[in-house]
Amino acid sequence: MGIFKEGDIGPNIELIQSTLKKLGFYNGKIDGIFGQKTKEAVIKFQSEFNLKPDGIVGLNTWNALFPYINGYSYYVIKPGDTLYSIARKFNTNINFLFVANPMIDANNLKIGNVIIVPFGNVVPTDISYTYKILDINILALRTIYPFLKFGNIGDSVLGKQIPYIRIGRGQKQVLYTASIHANEWITSVLLMKFIDNFCKAYVLDRYIFGYRARELFDECSLYIVPMVNPDGIDVVTKYVGPGNEIYESARKISNRYPSIPFPSGWKANIKGVDLNLQFPARWEQAREIKYSEGFTTPAPRDYVGLAPLTQPESIALYNFTNINNFRLTISYHTQGKEIYWRFLDYLPENSLEIAREFSRVSGYNLSDTPYRSSFAGYRDWFIQDFNRPGFTIEAGEGVSPLPISQFDTIYADNEGILVLGMIL
């Protein structure tokens, strides 16, 4: 993760502040600025954990923080330990120990053996969400919840793997995607937090939005691609910041379009192509519209590229869809609290009924896609080629990137959609 000290800025500082706040060492604003308050909190944490209290977050401090970032710890079994006593020590439920350690024999614990002890939340919902944090969260989910399945749909322009997570083992296949637009990264947090909450409900045999998680798991195979555009997100969140070659290449593209703020207005992939204008669903009409609006070269948004399916991220999503049998897809965007559910005159069976249910549980409006955005999107292509329900959900309100302070409201509005998409 690197070494961080007073004066540093960026998403990694937000992660440090968030973790220290969760532990009660920091009571300041999570602003990504390593100031005096953050330094004092780091020193308190280091003193509590018998580390050198220098206020610098290096390897040893990161190692001490990681259990609280990941929501689990490794524990060496000692004489007299039982799974119940270990669970009490970490203030967790014994079911999490059984799930995370599937080979464990509760009646024959081996002194000196190391077990995994889950005890907290995995996904942070109060910080800028970067590809690195996504990677950390996926590793934690893989460790704690071995019933999940993981894979990659392909690579980004810069070679980042684009991951998917599968929940369930049912015959009905469903796909949810997020962050095809870089400055809509809060939708990645939404899908990852849903995974986190669903897994807890599954382990504890509880309900999520009124439905038993284990029954959903048996009936549906839900594939989630939480971050389609990782390169763009790392520019918007300034994980790669000014002076970095990647950031500066994006800034150079953005300079051709001075009316679009940089980096906050960046939606495209790192080559300046809008990934949601890359699909073979009246792509030529999308090009005509966007060219008429002045987007004739790589841009922060709305440039369709030289042809459909020229960008690796869009190609990966296209291929992944074709090799599966998705009965329904949901594409998450921001903002407007709207649900787009149709493409031209296509009307897949039950699509309107499902859209009405989504609207009922979320309070979002059913809307027709604005003409200027009506072609070449992933949802457009899915409806056109498969004649099955496909939806775009515009979460939250305001100007993208939406502030993370909206997250709790966005999640509450959308949990019902995320659950009903598995069963309708």
Protein backbone atom coordinates (compact mmCIF):
# COMPACT_ATOMS: atom_id res chain seq x y z
CA MET A 1 0.00 0.00 0.00
CA GLY A 2 2.99 2.31 0.36
CA ILE A 3 4.19 4.64 3.10
CA PHE A 4 2.03 7.61 4.07
CA LYS A 5 2.75 10.55 6.35
CA GLU A 6 1.60 14.04 7.18
CA GLY A 7 1.07 16.09 4.04
CA ASP A 8 0.01 13.20 1.83
CA ILE A 9 -3.39 13.20 0.13
CA GLY A 10 -5.62 10.79 -1.76
CA PRO A 11 -7.93 7.77 -1.44
CA ASN A 12 -5.43 5.77 0.61
CA ILE A 13 -5.54 8.48 3.26
CA GLU A 14 -9.34 8.21 3.24
CA LEU A 15 -8.96 4.48 3.88
CA ILE A 16 -6.64 5.14 6.82
CA GLN A 17 -8.99 7.77 8.26
CA SER A 18 -12.05 5.56 7.81
CA THR A 19 -10.41 2.61 9.55
CA LEU A 20 -9.12 4.70 12.44
CA LYS A 21 -12.55 6.29 12.81
CA LYS A 22 -14.19 2.87 12.96
CA LEU A 23 -11.79 1.95 15.76
CA GLY A 24 -12.40 5.18 17.69
CA PHE A 25 -8.96 6.72 17.21
CA TYR A 26 -10.03 9.44 14.75
CA ASN A 27 -12.97 11.81 14.98
CA GLY A 28 -12.16 14.19 12.16
CA LYS A 29 -13.49 14.51 8.63
CA ILE A 30 -12.71 11.78 6.11
CA ASP A 31 -11.19 14.11 3.53
CA GLY A 32 -8.14 12.27 2.23
CA ILE A 33 -5.75 14.82 3.72
CA PHE A 34 -3.10 13.52 6.11
CA GLY A 35 -3.12 16.44 8.52
CA GLN A 36 -2.31 16.86 12.18
CA LYS A 37 -5.50 15.16 13.39
CA THR A 38 -4.82 12.13 11.24
CA LYS A 39 -1.23 11.97 12.46
CA GLU A 40 -2.37 12.10 16.08
CA ALA A 41 -4.86 9.30 15.41
CA VAL A 42 -2.16 7.16 13.80
CA ILE A 43 0.11 7.70 16.82
CA LYS A 44 -2.69 6.66 19.20
CA PHE A 45 -3.30 3.53 17.14
CA GLN A 46 0.41 2.69 17.01
CA SER A 47 0.77 3.12 20.76
CA GLU A 48 -2.25 0.88 21.40
CA PHE A 49 -0.78 -1.85 19.18
CA ASN A 50 2.79 -1.61 20.50
CA LEU A 51 4.18 -0.09 17.33
CA LYS A 52 6.68 2.72 16.95
CA PRO A 53 4.50 5.83 17.52
CA ASP A 54 5.94 7.93 14.70
CA GLY A 55 2.67 8.90 12.98
CA ILE A 56 3.81 7.30 9.72
CA VAL A 57 1.74 4.54 8.14
CA GLY A 58 4.31 2.03 6.91
CA LEU A 59 4.37 -1.74 6.59
CA ASN A 60 3.92 -2.58 10.28
CA THR A 61 1.10 -0.11 10.75
CA TRP A 62 -0.65 -1.35 7.60
CA ASN A 63 -0.34 -4.91 8.88
CA ALA A 64 -2.00 -3.89 12.14
CA LEU A 65 -4.75 -2.01 10.29
CA PHE A 66 -5.55 -4.70 7.74
CA PRO A 67 -7.71 -6.95 9.96
CA TYR A 68 -10.00 -3.98 10.52
CA ILE A 69 -9.94 -3.07 6.83
CA ASN A 70 -10.69 -6.65 5.76
CA GLY A 71 -13.13 -7.58 8.50
CA TYR A 72 -11.25 -10.72 9.55
CA SER A 73 -8.17 -11.82 11.41
CA TYR A 74 -6.00 -14.92 11.66
CA TYR A 75 -5.99 -16.57 15.07
CA VAL A 76 -3.67 -19.21 16.51
CA ILE A 77 -5.58 -21.77 18.58
CA LYS A 78 -4.44 -21.90 22.20
CA PRO A 79 -4.98 -24.43 25.00
CA GLY A 80 -8.53 -24.24 26.32
CA ASP A 81 -9.94 -22.51 23.21
CA THR A 82 -13.30 -23.48 21.79
CA LEU A 83 -14.98 -22.01 18.74
CA TYR A 84 -17.53 -20.41 21.05
CA SER A 85 -14.84 -18.75 23.18
CA ILE A 86 -13.02 -17.51 20.06
CA ALA A 87 -16.28 -16.13 18.66
CA ARG A 88 -16.93 -14.30 21.94
CA LYS A 89 -13.39 -12.91 22.00
CA PHE A 90 -13.91 -11.33 18.57
CA ASN A 91 -17.56 -10.41 19.16
CA THR A 92 -18.66 -12.48 16.17
CA ASN A 93 -21.09 -15.29 15.41
CA ILE A 94 -19.79 -18.86 15.44
CA ASN A 95 -21.45 -19.51 12.06
CA PHE A 96 -18.88 -17.23 10.44
CA LEU A 97 -16.08 -19.42 11.85
CA PHE A 98 -17.62 -22.57 10.42
CA VAL A 99 -18.11 -21.00 6.99
CA ALA A 100 -14.64 -19.43 6.77
CA ASN A 101 -12.97 -22.64 7.99
CA PRO A 102 -14.92 -25.43 6.25
CA MET A 103 -12.49 -28.19 7.30
CA ILE A 104 -12.53 -27.31 11.00
CA ASP A 105 -13.67 -29.88 13.58
CA ALA A 106 -15.20 -28.00 16.51
CA ASN A 107 -14.65 -31.01 18.77
CA ASN A 108 -11.01 -31.49 17.86
CA LEU A 109 -9.28 -28.11 17.69
CA LYS A 110 -5.53 -28.44 17.18
CA ILE A 111 -3.39 -26.21 19.37
CA GLY A 112 -1.18 -24.08 17.15
CA ASN A 113 -3.42 -24.29 14.10
CA VAL A 114 -4.34 -21.00 12.44
CA ILE A 115 -7.97 -20.22 11.66
CA ILE A 116 -9.78 -17.34 9.98
CA VAL A 117 -12.00 -15.27 12.28
CA PRO A 118 -14.44 -12.94 10.45
CA PHE A 119 -15.68 -10.18 12.73
CA GLY A 120 -16.65 -7.07 10.78
CA ASN A 121 -17.79 -5.42 7.59
CA VAL A 122 -15.73 -5.83 4.46
CA VAL A 123 -16.84 -2.98 2.21
CA PRO A 124 -16.22 0.64 3.30
CA THR A 125 -19.07 3.01 2.50
CA ASP A 126 -17.54 6.33 3.52
CA ILE A 127 -14.55 6.74 1.18
CA SER A 128 -13.68 7.13 -2.50
CA TYR A 129 -13.75 3.65 -4.01
CA THR A 130 -10.71 2.77 -6.11
CA TYR A 131 -9.68 -0.35 -8.00
CA LYS A 132 -7.15 -1.12 -5.26
CA ILE A 133 -9.84 -1.05 -2.58
CA LEU A 134 -12.06 -3.24 -4.77
CA ASP A 135 -9.19 -5.71 -5.05
CA ILE A 136 -8.69 -5.71 -1.26
CA ASN A 137 -12.42 -6.25 -0.70
CA ILE A 138 -12.60 -9.12 -3.19
CA LEU A 139 -9.68 -10.87 -1.50
CA ALA A 140 -11.46 -10.50 1.86
CA LEU A 141 -14.75 -11.83 0.47
CA ARG A 142 -12.92 -14.76 -1.10
CA THR A 143 -11.30 -15.55 2.26
CA ILE A 144 -14.39 -15.21 4.46
CA TYR A 145 -17.06 -16.62 2.15
CA PRO A 146 -15.78 -19.64 0.20
CA PHE A 147 -19.29 -20.25 -1.19
CA LEU A 148 -18.82 -17.26 -3.52
CA LYS A 149 -17.32 -17.81 -6.96
CA PHE A 150 -14.90 -15.39 -8.57
CA GLY A 151 -13.51 -14.76 -12.02
CA ASN A 152 -12.63 -12.08 -14.54
CA ILE A 153 -14.48 -11.04 -17.67
CA GLY A 154 -11.38 -9.54 -19.29
CA ASP A 155 -8.84 -6.76 -18.91
CA SER A 156 -8.94 -2.96 -19.11
CA VAL A 157 -6.80 -0.89 -21.45
CA LEU A 158 -4.12 -0.71 -18.74
CA GLY A 159 -4.27 -4.44 -18.06
CA LYS A 160 -6.37 -4.40 -14.90
CA GLN A 161 -8.48 -7.52 -14.55
CA ILE A 162 -12.21 -6.78 -14.56
CA PRO A 163 -13.61 -9.09 -11.88
CA TYR A 164 -16.97 -10.71 -11.39
CA ILE A 165 -18.46 -12.31 -8.28
CA ARG A 166 -21.12 -14.98 -8.46
CA ILE A 167 -23.69 -15.44 -5.70
CA GLY A 168 -25.80 -18.58 -5.84
CA ARG A 169 -26.09 -21.84 -7.70
CA GLY A 170 -29.57 -21.65 -9.22
CA GLN A 171 -30.48 -22.16 -12.86
CA LYS A 172 -31.69 -18.59 -13.38
CA GLN A 173 -28.73 -16.43 -14.41
CA VAL A 174 -28.85 -12.68 -13.77
CA LEU A 175 -26.21 -9.98 -14.34
CA TYR A 176 -25.66 -6.71 -12.48
CA THR A 177 -22.97 -4.25 -13.61
CA ALA A 178 -21.67 -0.95 -12.26
CA SER A 179 -19.23 1.83 -13.04
CA ILE A 180 -19.09 1.55 -16.81
CA HIS A 181 -18.78 5.33 -16.40
CA ALA A 182 -15.82 6.37 -14.28
CA ASN A 183 -17.42 9.20 -12.33
CA GLU A 184 -20.26 6.89 -11.29
CA TRP A 185 -17.97 4.85 -9.01
CA ILE A 186 -20.44 5.02 -6.09
CA THR A 187 -22.40 2.29 -7.92
CA SER A 188 -19.44 -0.06 -7.35
CA VAL A 189 -19.83 0.50 -3.62
CA LEU A 190 -23.55 -0.25 -3.95
CA LEU A 191 -23.03 -3.66 -5.57
CA MET A 192 -20.13 -4.62 -3.31
CA LYS A 193 -22.07 -3.68 -0.17
CA PHE A 194 -25.00 -5.75 -1.41
CA ILE A 195 -22.66 -8.74 -1.71
CA ASP A 196 -21.36 -8.09 1.81
CA ASN A 197 -24.89 -7.87 3.27
CA PHE A 198 -26.20 -10.83 1.30
CA CYS A 199 -23.35 -13.03 2.53
CA LYS A 200 -24.03 -12.12 6.16
CA ALA A 201 -27.70 -13.00 5.70
CA TYR A 202 -26.73 -16.28 4.03
CA VAL A 203 -24.33 -17.32 6.79
CA LEU A 204 -26.80 -16.46 9.56
CA ASP A 205 -29.77 -17.91 7.64
CA ARG A 206 -31.57 -14.59 7.69
CA TYR A 207 -33.71 -12.56 5.33
CA ILE A 208 -32.69 -9.73 3.04
CA PHE A 209 -35.45 -7.38 1.93
CA GLY A 210 -37.99 -9.90 3.12
CA TYR A 211 -36.56 -12.90 1.27
CA ARG A 212 -34.59 -15.76 2.77
CA ALA A 213 -31.02 -15.45 1.51
CA ARG A 214 -30.44 -19.20 1.31
CA GLU A 215 -33.50 -19.68 -0.88
CA LEU A 216 -32.32 -16.92 -3.21
CA PHE A 217 -28.91 -18.60 -3.31
CA ASP A 218 -30.46 -21.90 -4.38
CA GLU A 219 -32.75 -20.40 -7.00
CA CYS A 220 -30.52 -17.88 -8.75
CA SER A 221 -26.98 -17.46 -10.01
CA LEU A 222 -26.32 -13.76 -9.69
CA TYR A 223 -23.24 -12.49 -11.51
CA ILE A 224 -21.97 -9.08 -10.42
CA VAL A 225 -19.38 -7.06 -12.34
CA PRO A 226 -18.80 -4.24 -9.85
CA MET A 227 -16.30 -2.12 -11.80
CA VAL A 228 -16.34 -2.19 -15.60
CA ASN A 229 -14.08 0.86 -15.99
CA PRO A 230 -11.26 0.62 -13.42
CA ASP A 231 -8.76 2.79 -15.30
CA GLY A 232 -11.17 5.71 -15.51
CA ILE A 233 -12.19 5.37 -11.87
CA ASP A 234 -8.60 5.63 -10.69
CA VAL A 235 -8.35 8.96 -12.53
CA VAL A 236 -11.61 10.36 -11.12
CA THR A 237 -10.77 9.33 -7.54
CA LYS A 238 -7.19 10.58 -8.00
CA TYR A 239 -5.73 7.23 -7.02
CA VAL A 240 -3.43 8.21 -9.85
CA GLY A 241 -3.01 11.95 -9.42
CA PRO A 242 -1.39 14.96 -11.01
CA GLY A 243 2.07 14.19 -12.34
CA ASN A 244 1.24 10.55 -12.97
CA GLU A 245 1.57 9.60 -16.65
CA ILE A 246 -1.90 8.03 -16.75
CA TYR A 247 -3.56 11.02 -15.12
CA GLU A 248 -1.77 13.46 -17.41
CA SER A 249 -2.75 11.52 -20.55
CA ALA A 250 -6.40 11.81 -19.48
CA ARG A 251 -5.94 15.50 -18.69
CA LYS A 252 -4.52 16.05 -22.20
CA ILE A 253 -7.68 14.54 -23.71
CA SER A 254 -9.85 16.57 -21.35
CA ASN A 255 -8.13 19.82 -22.32
CA ARG A 256 -9.80 19.57 -25.74
CA TYR A 257 -13.15 19.86 -23.98
CA PRO A 258 -12.65 22.69 -21.47
CA SER A 259 -16.35 22.91 -20.59
CA ILE A 260 -16.15 19.49 -18.90
CA PRO A 261 -14.52 19.63 -15.44
CA PHE A 262 -11.52 17.39 -14.92
CA PRO A 263 -11.27 14.86 -13.42
CA SER A 264 -14.80 14.95 -11.96
CA GLY A 265 -16.45 15.01 -15.38
CA TRP A 266 -14.52 12.01 -16.70
CA LYS A 267 -16.83 9.11 -17.71
CA ALA A 268 -14.76 7.45 -20.43
CA ASN A 269 -12.13 4.75 -20.33
CA ILE A 270 -8.51 5.83 -20.28
CA LYS A 271 -8.48 6.20 -24.08
CA GLY A 272 -11.31 8.70 -23.96
CA VAL A 273 -14.01 6.38 -25.32
CA ASP A 274 -17.42 6.20 -23.64
CA LEU A 275 -17.78 2.49 -22.95
CA ASN A 276 -21.57 2.70 -22.86
CA LEU A 277 -21.62 3.94 -26.46
CA GLN A 278 -19.71 0.94 -27.76
CA PHE A 279 -22.40 -1.66 -28.33
CA PRO A 280 -23.91 -2.70 -31.69
CA ALA A 281 -27.39 -1.30 -31.12
CA ARG A 282 -27.87 1.51 -33.64
CA TRP A 283 -24.29 2.58 -33.00
CA GLU A 284 -24.31 4.68 -36.18
CA GLN A 285 -27.16 6.77 -34.81
CA ALA A 286 -25.26 7.28 -31.57
CA ARG A 287 -22.27 8.45 -33.60
CA GLU A 288 -24.43 10.90 -35.58
CA ILE A 289 -25.88 12.37 -32.38
CA LYS A 290 -22.58 12.64 -30.53
CA TYR A 291 -20.70 14.02 -33.51
CA SER A 292 -23.40 16.67 -33.89
CA GLU A 293 -22.76 17.61 -30.26
CA GLY A 294 -19.05 18.03 -30.97
CA PHE A 295 -17.68 14.76 -29.57
CA THR A 296 -15.65 13.78 -32.62
CA THR A 297 -12.38 12.85 -30.92
CA PRO A 298 -11.47 11.04 -27.67
CA ALA A 299 -13.18 12.93 -24.85
CA PRO A 300 -14.03 12.72 -21.14
CA ARG A 301 -17.49 11.52 -22.19
CA ASP A 302 -19.76 10.86 -25.17
CA TYR A 303 -17.13 9.85 -27.74
CA VAL A 304 -18.38 6.66 -29.40
CA GLY A 305 -15.03 5.46 -30.74
CA LEU A 306 -14.16 4.56 -34.32
CA ALA A 307 -16.55 1.60 -34.40
CA PRO A 308 -18.59 -0.52 -32.02
CA LEU A 309 -16.65 -2.89 -29.77
CA THR A 310 -13.20 -1.40 -30.18
CA GLN A 311 -12.44 -1.04 -26.46
CA PRO A 312 -11.38 -4.02 -24.31
CA GLU A 313 -13.75 -3.26 -21.45
CA SER A 314 -16.83 -3.17 -23.70
CA ILE A 315 -15.63 -6.24 -25.61
CA ALA A 316 -15.20 -8.11 -22.32
CA LEU A 317 -18.75 -7.29 -21.20
CA TYR A 318 -20.13 -8.20 -24.63
CA ASN A 319 -18.33 -11.56 -24.69
CA PHE A 320 -19.23 -12.38 -21.08
CA THR A 321 -22.89 -11.78 -21.86
CA ASN A 322 -22.75 -13.95 -24.95
CA ILE A 323 -21.22 -16.96 -23.18
CA ASN A 324 -23.82 -16.90 -20.41
CA ASN A 325 -27.61 -17.17 -20.41
CA PHE A 326 -28.71 -14.09 -18.50
CA ARG A 327 -32.46 -13.83 -18.08
CA LEU A 328 -32.23 -10.24 -16.88
CA THR A 329 -29.56 -7.53 -16.61
CA ILE A 330 -29.33 -4.39 -14.49
CA SER A 331 -26.80 -1.68 -15.34
CA TYR A 332 -26.16 0.81 -12.56
CA HIS A 333 -25.46 4.46 -13.31
CA THR A 334 -25.91 7.81 -11.59
CA GLN A 335 -27.96 9.98 -11.26
CA GLY A 336 -31.64 11.02 -11.32
CA LYS A 337 -33.53 8.31 -9.42
CA GLU A 338 -34.86 6.93 -12.70
CA ILE A 339 -35.35 3.51 -14.25
CA TYR A 340 -34.91 3.06 -18.00
CA TRP A 341 -36.47 -0.16 -19.16
CA ARG A 342 -37.00 -0.14 -22.93
CA PHE A 343 -35.13 0.23 -26.22
CA LEU A 344 -37.02 1.51 -29.24
CA ASP A 345 -40.10 -0.67 -29.78
CA TYR A 346 -38.67 -3.79 -28.18
CA LEU A 347 -40.85 -5.06 -25.34
CA PRO A 348 -39.42 -8.23 -23.78
CA GLU A 349 -41.87 -10.35 -21.85
CA ASN A 350 -42.57 -9.07 -18.31
CA SER A 351 -40.16 -6.14 -18.70
CA LEU A 352 -42.77 -3.49 -17.90
CA GLU A 353 -44.13 -5.48 -14.96
CA ILE A 354 -40.65 -5.92 -13.53
CA ALA A 355 -39.87 -2.24 -14.07
CA ARG A 356 -43.01 -1.30 -12.16
CA GLU A 357 -41.96 -3.52 -9.26
CA PHE A 358 -38.51 -1.93 -9.25
CA SER A 359 -40.16 1.49 -9.18
CA ARG A 360 -42.48 0.46 -6.36
CA VAL A 361 -39.72 -0.76 -4.03
CA SER A 362 -37.27 2.04 -4.80
CA GLY A 363 -39.46 5.08 -5.31
CA TYR A 364 -37.60 5.72 -8.58
CA ASN A 365 -39.52 6.90 -11.65
CA LEU A 366 -40.00 4.85 -14.81
CA SER A 367 -38.66 6.96 -17.65
CA ASP A 368 -37.96 6.86 -21.36
CA THR A 369 -34.30 7.24 -22.22
CA PRO A 370 -33.52 10.75 -23.54
CA TYR A 371 -33.08 10.63 -27.33
CA ARG A 372 -29.45 11.79 -27.20
CA SER A 373 -28.63 8.75 -25.04
CA SER A 374 -30.94 6.25 -26.73
CA PHE A 375 -28.48 4.17 -28.74
CA ALA A 376 -25.39 1.95 -28.47
CA GLY A 377 -25.66 1.30 -24.72
CA TYR A 378 -25.19 -2.09 -23.11
CA ARG A 379 -28.84 -2.30 -22.08
CA ASP A 380 -29.93 -1.35 -25.61
CA TRP A 381 -27.88 -4.16 -27.12
CA PHE A 382 -29.00 -6.73 -24.56
CA ILE A 383 -32.68 -6.00 -25.18
CA GLN A 384 -32.18 -5.93 -28.94
CA ASP A 385 -30.19 -9.16 -29.26
CA PHE A 386 -31.73 -11.28 -26.51
CA ASN A 387 -35.27 -9.86 -26.24
CA ARG A 388 -35.04 -10.15 -22.47
CA PRO A 389 -35.55 -7.56 -19.74
CA GLY A 390 -32.67 -5.14 -19.34
CA PHE A 391 -32.68 -2.12 -17.07
CA THR A 392 -30.61 0.97 -16.42
CA ILE A 393 -30.94 2.30 -12.87
CA GLU A 394 -29.89 5.92 -12.36
CA ALA A 395 -29.14 5.98 -8.63
CA GLY A 396 -29.05 9.05 -6.43
CA GLU A 397 -29.42 12.72 -7.28
CA GLY A 398 -27.05 15.56 -8.06
CA VAL A 399 -23.90 15.87 -10.14
CA SER A 400 -21.62 12.87 -10.67
CA PRO A 401 -19.49 11.84 -8.94
CA LEU A 402 -22.13 11.79 -6.23
CA PRO A 403 -20.78 12.39 -2.72
CA ILE A 404 -20.31 9.23 -0.69
CA SER A 405 -22.55 10.86 1.94
CA GLN A 406 -25.47 9.80 -0.30
CA PHE A 407 -24.56 6.15 -0.02
CA ASP A 408 -26.87 5.08 2.80
CA THR A 409 -29.88 6.56 1.00
CA ILE A 410 -28.85 5.02 -2.32
CA TYR A 411 -28.43 1.62 -0.74
CA ALA A 412 -31.77 1.79 1.07
CA ASP A 413 -33.50 2.79 -2.16
CA ASN A 414 -31.92 0.01 -4.19
CA GLU A 415 -31.70 -3.08 -1.99
CA GLY A 416 -35.21 -4.05 -3.06
CA ILE A 417 -34.29 -3.84 -6.74
CA LEU A 418 -31.17 -5.92 -6.15
CA VAL A 419 -33.16 -8.65 -4.40
CA LEU A 420 -36.16 -8.64 -6.74
CA GLY A 421 -33.88 -8.87 -9.76
CA MET A 422 -32.93 -12.34 -8.53
CA ILE A 423 -36.51 -13.64 -8.47
CA LEU A 424 -38.72 -11.75 -10.95
